[in-house]
Amino acid sequence: MPLGECQITAFIATIRPHEALRFYTQTLGLQLLENTPFALVLAAPNAVVRIQKVQELNPHPFTSLGWNVSDIRATSSQLAAKGVTFQRFPGLTQDDLAIWTSPSGAKVCWFKDPDGNFLSLTQHP
């Protein structure tokens, strides 16, 4: 079976599983499928997110997980109302909601989870 026809499982890590569980389910709205000693397993409409419980973590300085959204301003406003802080970067022209418009016209903003993993929202033109 070609992998292009299979559902993707995305992997990310946490050293704060209780905070990660609350953030990913209550703040971001993913559905908990399983909570084991090894991982939180969450469902999104088109993927499974497996948040591995680890002893130490050095978050990547780039995006680890992202969502394509149809209305980035509405989505980022809803997340901001839930306490999400969007990141600002020197050298990028970002609007009042910290949304950057890329050369392709895609609109992107970034935020962090409780472990400092970079997450993003993207609205394609």
N, C-alpha and C. Protein backbone atom coordinates (compact mmCIF):
# COMPACT_ATOMS: atom_id res chain seq x y z
N MET A 1 0.85 -1.18 0.00
CA MET A 1 0.00 0.00 0.00
C MET A 1 0.89 1.24 0.00
N PRO A 2 0.67 2.17 -0.91
CA PRO A 2 1.46 3.40 -0.92
C PRO A 2 1.22 4.21 0.35
N LEU A 3 2.30 4.77 0.89
CA LEU A 3 2.17 5.55 2.13
C LEU A 3 1.33 6.80 1.94
N GLY A 4 1.21 7.28 0.73
CA GLY A 4 0.39 8.44 0.47
C GLY A 4 -1.08 8.22 0.77
N GLU A 5 -1.47 6.97 0.96
CA GLU A 5 -2.86 6.64 1.27
C GLU A 5 -3.06 6.33 2.75
N CYS A 6 -2.00 6.43 3.53
CA CYS A 6 -2.06 6.07 4.95
C CYS A 6 -2.12 7.32 5.82
N GLN A 7 -2.80 7.21 6.96
CA GLN A 7 -2.84 8.32 7.91
C GLN A 7 -1.46 8.54 8.52
N ILE A 8 -1.11 9.77 8.75
CA ILE A 8 0.18 10.14 9.33
C ILE A 8 0.06 10.19 10.84
N THR A 9 1.11 9.73 11.52
CA THR A 9 1.26 9.94 12.95
C THR A 9 2.39 10.94 13.13
N ALA A 10 2.09 12.06 13.76
CA ALA A 10 3.10 13.07 14.04
C ALA A 10 3.65 12.82 15.45
N PHE A 11 4.94 13.04 15.65
CA PHE A 11 5.58 12.82 16.94
C PHE A 11 6.13 14.14 17.47
N ILE A 12 5.94 14.33 18.76
CA ILE A 12 6.49 15.47 19.48
C ILE A 12 6.78 14.96 20.89
N ALA A 13 7.55 15.69 21.67
CA ALA A 13 7.94 15.19 22.99
C ALA A 13 7.55 16.16 24.09
N THR A 14 7.43 15.60 25.31
CA THR A 14 7.11 16.42 26.49
C THR A 14 7.86 15.91 27.72
N ILE A 15 8.24 16.84 28.56
CA ILE A 15 8.72 16.50 29.91
C ILE A 15 7.67 16.92 30.93
N ARG A 16 6.57 17.50 30.43
CA ARG A 16 5.47 17.98 31.27
C ARG A 16 4.15 17.37 30.78
N PRO A 17 3.97 16.06 30.92
CA PRO A 17 2.80 15.42 30.32
C PRO A 17 1.45 15.94 30.81
N HIS A 18 1.34 16.33 32.07
CA HIS A 18 0.06 16.84 32.58
C HIS A 18 -0.28 18.18 31.93
N GLU A 19 0.74 19.05 31.82
CA GLU A 19 0.52 20.34 31.17
C GLU A 19 0.28 20.16 29.68
N ALA A 20 1.02 19.26 29.06
CA ALA A 20 0.84 19.00 27.62
C ALA A 20 -0.57 18.47 27.35
N LEU A 21 -1.04 17.55 28.18
CA LEU A 21 -2.38 17.00 28.00
C LEU A 21 -3.43 18.11 28.06
N ARG A 22 -3.34 18.96 29.05
CA ARG A 22 -4.29 20.07 29.20
C ARG A 22 -4.20 21.02 27.99
N PHE A 23 -2.98 21.37 27.59
CA PHE A 23 -2.79 22.31 26.48
C PHE A 23 -3.34 21.75 25.17
N TYR A 24 -2.95 20.53 24.83
CA TYR A 24 -3.34 19.97 23.54
C TYR A 24 -4.83 19.62 23.47
N THR A 25 -5.44 19.26 24.59
CA THR A 25 -6.86 18.92 24.57
C THR A 25 -7.74 20.14 24.84
N GLN A 26 -7.49 20.85 25.94
CA GLN A 26 -8.37 21.97 26.31
C GLN A 26 -8.11 23.23 25.49
N THR A 27 -6.85 23.54 25.25
CA THR A 27 -6.54 24.77 24.52
C THR A 27 -6.65 24.58 23.01
N LEU A 28 -6.05 23.49 22.51
CA LEU A 28 -6.02 23.29 21.06
C LEU A 28 -7.17 22.44 20.54
N GLY A 29 -7.83 21.68 21.40
CA GLY A 29 -9.02 20.95 20.99
C GLY A 29 -8.79 19.57 20.39
N LEU A 30 -7.61 18.99 20.56
CA LEU A 30 -7.39 17.63 20.09
C LEU A 30 -8.06 16.66 21.05
N GLN A 31 -8.38 15.48 20.56
CA GLN A 31 -9.09 14.48 21.37
C GLN A 31 -8.10 13.45 21.90
N LEU A 32 -8.16 13.19 23.19
CA LEU A 32 -7.30 12.18 23.81
C LEU A 32 -7.79 10.79 23.42
N LEU A 33 -6.89 9.99 22.84
CA LEU A 33 -7.18 8.60 22.52
C LEU A 33 -6.62 7.66 23.58
N GLU A 34 -5.42 8.04 24.10
CA GLU A 34 -4.73 7.15 25.01
C GLU A 34 -3.72 7.94 25.85
N ASN A 35 -3.59 7.56 27.11
CA ASN A 35 -2.59 8.15 28.00
C ASN A 35 -1.87 6.97 28.66
N THR A 36 -0.67 6.69 28.17
CA THR A 36 0.10 5.56 28.69
C THR A 36 1.33 6.09 29.42
N PRO A 37 2.07 5.23 30.08
CA PRO A 37 3.31 5.70 30.71
C PRO A 37 4.34 6.24 29.70
N PHE A 38 4.14 5.92 28.43
CA PHE A 38 5.11 6.30 27.41
C PHE A 38 4.70 7.49 26.56
N ALA A 39 3.40 7.71 26.40
CA ALA A 39 2.96 8.76 25.49
C ALA A 39 1.50 9.15 25.70
N LEU A 40 1.21 10.37 25.27
CA LEU A 40 -0.17 10.81 25.09
C LEU A 40 -0.47 10.61 23.61
N VAL A 41 -1.59 10.02 23.29
CA VAL A 41 -1.95 9.82 21.89
C VAL A 41 -3.24 10.59 21.65
N LEU A 42 -3.17 11.52 20.70
CA LEU A 42 -4.26 12.45 20.45
C LEU A 42 -4.74 12.33 19.01
N ALA A 43 -6.01 12.59 18.80
CA ALA A 43 -6.58 12.53 17.46
C ALA A 43 -6.86 13.93 16.95
N ALA A 44 -6.49 14.13 15.70
CA ALA A 44 -6.88 15.31 14.93
C ALA A 44 -7.66 14.77 13.74
N PRO A 45 -8.39 15.60 13.02
CA PRO A 45 -9.21 15.08 11.92
C PRO A 45 -8.42 14.29 10.87
N ASN A 46 -7.17 14.64 10.64
CA ASN A 46 -6.43 14.00 9.56
C ASN A 46 -5.10 13.39 10.00
N ALA A 47 -4.88 13.24 11.29
CA ALA A 47 -3.62 12.68 11.78
C ALA A 47 -3.78 12.25 13.24
N VAL A 48 -2.82 11.47 13.67
CA VAL A 48 -2.69 11.13 15.09
C VAL A 48 -1.43 11.83 15.58
N VAL A 49 -1.50 12.44 16.74
CA VAL A 49 -0.34 13.10 17.34
C VAL A 49 0.07 12.29 18.55
N ARG A 50 1.29 11.81 18.53
CA ARG A 50 1.83 11.02 19.64
C ARG A 50 2.84 11.90 20.37
N ILE A 51 2.50 12.28 21.60
CA ILE A 51 3.37 13.12 22.42
C ILE A 51 4.13 12.20 23.35
N GLN A 52 5.39 11.97 23.03
CA GLN A 52 6.22 11.04 23.77
C GLN A 52 6.64 11.65 25.11
N LYS A 53 6.49 10.89 26.18
CA LYS A 53 6.91 11.33 27.51
C LYS A 53 8.39 10.99 27.66
N VAL A 54 9.20 12.04 27.81
CA VAL A 54 10.65 11.86 27.87
C VAL A 54 11.20 12.46 29.17
N GLN A 55 12.41 12.10 29.51
CA GLN A 55 13.06 12.59 30.74
C GLN A 55 13.69 13.96 30.55
N GLU A 56 14.21 14.23 29.36
CA GLU A 56 14.77 15.55 29.09
C GLU A 56 14.45 15.94 27.67
N LEU A 57 14.42 17.24 27.43
CA LEU A 57 14.00 17.75 26.14
C LEU A 57 14.70 19.06 25.85
N ASN A 58 15.25 19.16 24.67
CA ASN A 58 15.78 20.42 24.15
C ASN A 58 14.95 20.73 22.91
N PRO A 59 13.94 21.58 23.05
CA PRO A 59 13.06 21.85 21.91
C PRO A 59 13.83 22.38 20.70
N HIS A 60 13.36 22.00 19.52
CA HIS A 60 13.96 22.49 18.27
C HIS A 60 13.71 23.99 18.15
N PRO A 61 14.63 24.71 17.52
CA PRO A 61 14.43 26.15 17.32
C PRO A 61 13.61 26.45 16.06
N PHE A 62 12.85 25.48 15.61
CA PHE A 62 12.02 25.62 14.42
C PHE A 62 10.70 24.87 14.66
N THR A 63 9.77 25.01 13.75
CA THR A 63 8.44 24.43 13.92
C THR A 63 8.49 22.91 14.00
N SER A 64 7.84 22.37 15.02
CA SER A 64 7.75 20.92 15.20
C SER A 64 6.41 20.37 14.73
N LEU A 65 5.37 21.18 14.80
CA LEU A 65 4.03 20.72 14.45
C LEU A 65 3.22 21.92 14.01
N GLY A 66 2.44 21.78 12.97
CA GLY A 66 1.66 22.91 12.49
C GLY A 66 0.31 22.51 11.94
N TRP A 67 -0.57 23.48 11.83
CA TRP A 67 -1.91 23.27 11.33
C TRP A 67 -2.18 24.22 10.18
N ASN A 68 -2.83 23.71 9.14
CA ASN A 68 -3.34 24.56 8.06
C ASN A 68 -4.75 24.97 8.47
N VAL A 69 -4.99 26.27 8.44
CA VAL A 69 -6.29 26.78 8.87
C VAL A 69 -6.89 27.63 7.75
N SER A 70 -8.20 27.75 7.75
CA SER A 70 -8.86 28.53 6.70
C SER A 70 -8.92 30.02 7.03
N ASP A 71 -8.89 30.36 8.31
CA ASP A 71 -8.95 31.77 8.74
C ASP A 71 -7.97 31.96 9.90
N ILE A 72 -6.76 32.36 9.56
CA ILE A 72 -5.70 32.45 10.57
C ILE A 72 -5.99 33.53 11.61
N ARG A 73 -6.59 34.62 11.21
CA ARG A 73 -6.89 35.68 12.17
C ARG A 73 -7.91 35.20 13.20
N ALA A 74 -8.96 34.53 12.76
CA ALA A 74 -9.98 34.03 13.69
C ALA A 74 -9.38 32.96 14.60
N THR A 75 -8.60 32.04 14.03
CA THR A 75 -8.02 30.95 14.82
C THR A 75 -7.04 31.49 15.84
N SER A 76 -6.16 32.40 15.42
CA SER A 76 -5.18 32.94 16.37
C SER A 76 -5.86 33.79 17.44
N SER A 77 -6.92 34.49 17.09
CA SER A 77 -7.67 35.27 18.08
C SER A 77 -8.32 34.35 19.11
N GLN A 78 -8.88 33.23 18.66
CA GLN A 78 -9.50 32.27 19.59
C GLN A 78 -8.45 31.67 20.52
N LEU A 79 -7.28 31.34 19.98
CA LEU A 79 -6.22 30.77 20.82
C LEU A 79 -5.67 31.82 21.80
N ALA A 80 -5.53 33.05 21.33
CA ALA A 80 -5.05 34.12 22.22
C ALA A 80 -6.03 34.31 23.38
N ALA A 81 -7.32 34.18 23.11
CA ALA A 81 -8.33 34.31 24.18
C ALA A 81 -8.21 33.18 25.20
N LYS A 82 -7.59 32.06 24.80
CA LYS A 82 -7.36 30.94 25.72
C LYS A 82 -5.98 31.02 26.38
N GLY A 83 -5.27 32.13 26.15
CA GLY A 83 -3.99 32.33 26.80
C GLY A 83 -2.76 32.01 25.98
N VAL A 84 -2.92 31.65 24.73
CA VAL A 84 -1.77 31.36 23.87
C VAL A 84 -1.08 32.67 23.49
N THR A 85 0.24 32.67 23.62
CA THR A 85 1.05 33.83 23.26
C THR A 85 1.76 33.54 21.94
N PHE A 86 1.60 34.41 20.97
CA PHE A 86 2.23 34.22 19.67
C PHE A 86 3.60 34.87 19.66
N GLN A 87 4.50 34.22 18.96
CA GLN A 87 5.91 34.61 18.95
C GLN A 87 6.17 35.69 17.89
N ARG A 88 7.06 36.60 18.25
CA ARG A 88 7.52 37.63 17.31
C ARG A 88 8.99 37.40 17.05
N PHE A 89 9.40 37.62 15.80
CA PHE A 89 10.78 37.36 15.39
C PHE A 89 11.38 38.59 14.75
N PRO A 90 12.60 38.96 15.18
CA PRO A 90 13.28 40.10 14.54
C PRO A 90 13.48 39.81 13.06
N GLY A 91 13.25 40.81 12.24
CA GLY A 91 13.46 40.66 10.81
C GLY A 91 12.22 40.22 10.04
N LEU A 92 11.18 39.78 10.74
CA LEU A 92 9.92 39.42 10.08
C LEU A 92 8.91 40.52 10.34
N THR A 93 8.24 40.95 9.31
CA THR A 93 7.18 41.93 9.47
C THR A 93 5.91 41.17 9.82
N GLN A 94 5.47 41.33 11.07
CA GLN A 94 4.29 40.63 11.56
C GLN A 94 3.22 41.66 11.94
N ASP A 95 1.98 41.29 11.74
CA ASP A 95 0.89 42.23 12.03
C ASP A 95 0.56 42.25 13.52
N ASP A 96 -0.56 42.85 13.88
CA ASP A 96 -0.94 43.01 15.27
C ASP A 96 -1.17 41.68 16.00
N LEU A 97 -1.44 40.60 15.25
CA LEU A 97 -1.62 39.27 15.85
C LEU A 97 -0.37 38.40 15.70
N ALA A 98 0.75 39.02 15.30
CA ALA A 98 2.03 38.32 15.08
C ALA A 98 1.97 37.40 13.87
N ILE A 99 1.12 37.72 12.91
CA ILE A 99 1.01 36.94 11.68
C ILE A 99 1.94 37.53 10.63
N TRP A 100 2.73 36.67 10.02
CA TRP A 100 3.67 37.05 8.97
C TRP A 100 3.11 36.60 7.63
N THR A 101 3.23 37.44 6.62
CA THR A 101 2.84 37.05 5.26
C THR A 101 4.11 36.70 4.50
N SER A 102 4.21 35.45 4.07
CA SER A 102 5.39 34.95 3.37
C SER A 102 5.40 35.47 1.93
N PRO A 103 6.54 35.34 1.25
CA PRO A 103 6.59 35.77 -0.16
C PRO A 103 5.57 35.07 -1.05
N SER A 104 5.16 33.85 -0.70
CA SER A 104 4.16 33.13 -1.50
C SER A 104 2.74 33.63 -1.23
N GLY A 105 2.59 34.44 -0.19
CA GLY A 105 1.27 34.93 0.21
C GLY A 105 0.66 34.14 1.34
N ALA A 106 1.31 33.04 1.75
CA ALA A 106 0.82 32.28 2.90
C ALA A 106 0.98 33.13 4.15
N LYS A 107 0.02 33.02 5.04
CA LYS A 107 0.08 33.73 6.32
C LYS A 107 0.42 32.71 7.40
N VAL A 108 1.40 33.06 8.26
CA VAL A 108 1.92 32.12 9.25
C VAL A 108 2.08 32.82 10.59
N CYS A 109 1.77 32.11 11.68
CA CYS A 109 2.11 32.59 13.01
C CYS A 109 2.57 31.40 13.85
N TRP A 110 3.35 31.69 14.87
CA TRP A 110 3.96 30.65 15.68
C TRP A 110 3.64 30.85 17.16
N PHE A 111 3.57 29.75 17.87
CA PHE A 111 3.38 29.77 19.32
C PHE A 111 4.08 28.54 19.88
N LYS A 112 4.18 28.47 21.20
CA LYS A 112 4.87 27.36 21.84
C LYS A 112 3.92 26.57 22.72
N ASP A 113 4.21 25.28 22.85
CA ASP A 113 3.48 24.45 23.80
C ASP A 113 4.16 24.57 25.17
N PRO A 114 3.66 23.91 26.21
CA PRO A 114 4.25 24.05 27.55
C PRO A 114 5.73 23.62 27.65
N ASP A 115 6.20 22.82 26.70
CA ASP A 115 7.59 22.38 26.71
C ASP A 115 8.49 23.28 25.88
N GLY A 116 7.93 24.27 25.20
CA GLY A 116 8.73 25.15 24.37
C GLY A 116 8.86 24.68 22.93
N ASN A 117 8.10 23.64 22.55
CA ASN A 117 8.08 23.21 21.14
C ASN A 117 7.38 24.27 20.32
N PHE A 118 7.96 24.66 19.19
CA PHE A 118 7.33 25.62 18.30
C PHE A 118 6.21 24.96 17.50
N LEU A 119 5.05 25.58 17.52
CA LEU A 119 3.88 25.16 16.76
C LEU A 119 3.48 26.30 15.83
N SER A 120 2.77 25.99 14.76
CA SER A 120 2.41 27.07 13.84
C SER A 120 1.02 26.89 13.28
N LEU A 121 0.49 28.01 12.81
CA LEU A 121 -0.74 28.05 12.04
C LEU A 121 -0.38 28.62 10.68
N THR A 122 -0.92 28.06 9.61
CA THR A 122 -0.68 28.56 8.26
C THR A 122 -1.99 28.65 7.51
N GLN A 123 -2.19 29.80 6.86
CA GLN A 123 -3.32 29.97 5.95
C GLN A 123 -2.73 30.17 4.57
N HIS A 124 -3.02 29.24 3.67
CA HIS A 124 -2.49 29.32 2.31
C HIS A 124 -3.37 30.24 1.47
N PRO A 125 -2.74 30.92 0.51
CA PRO A 125 -3.54 31.83 -0.33
C PRO A 125 -4.53 31.09 -1.22
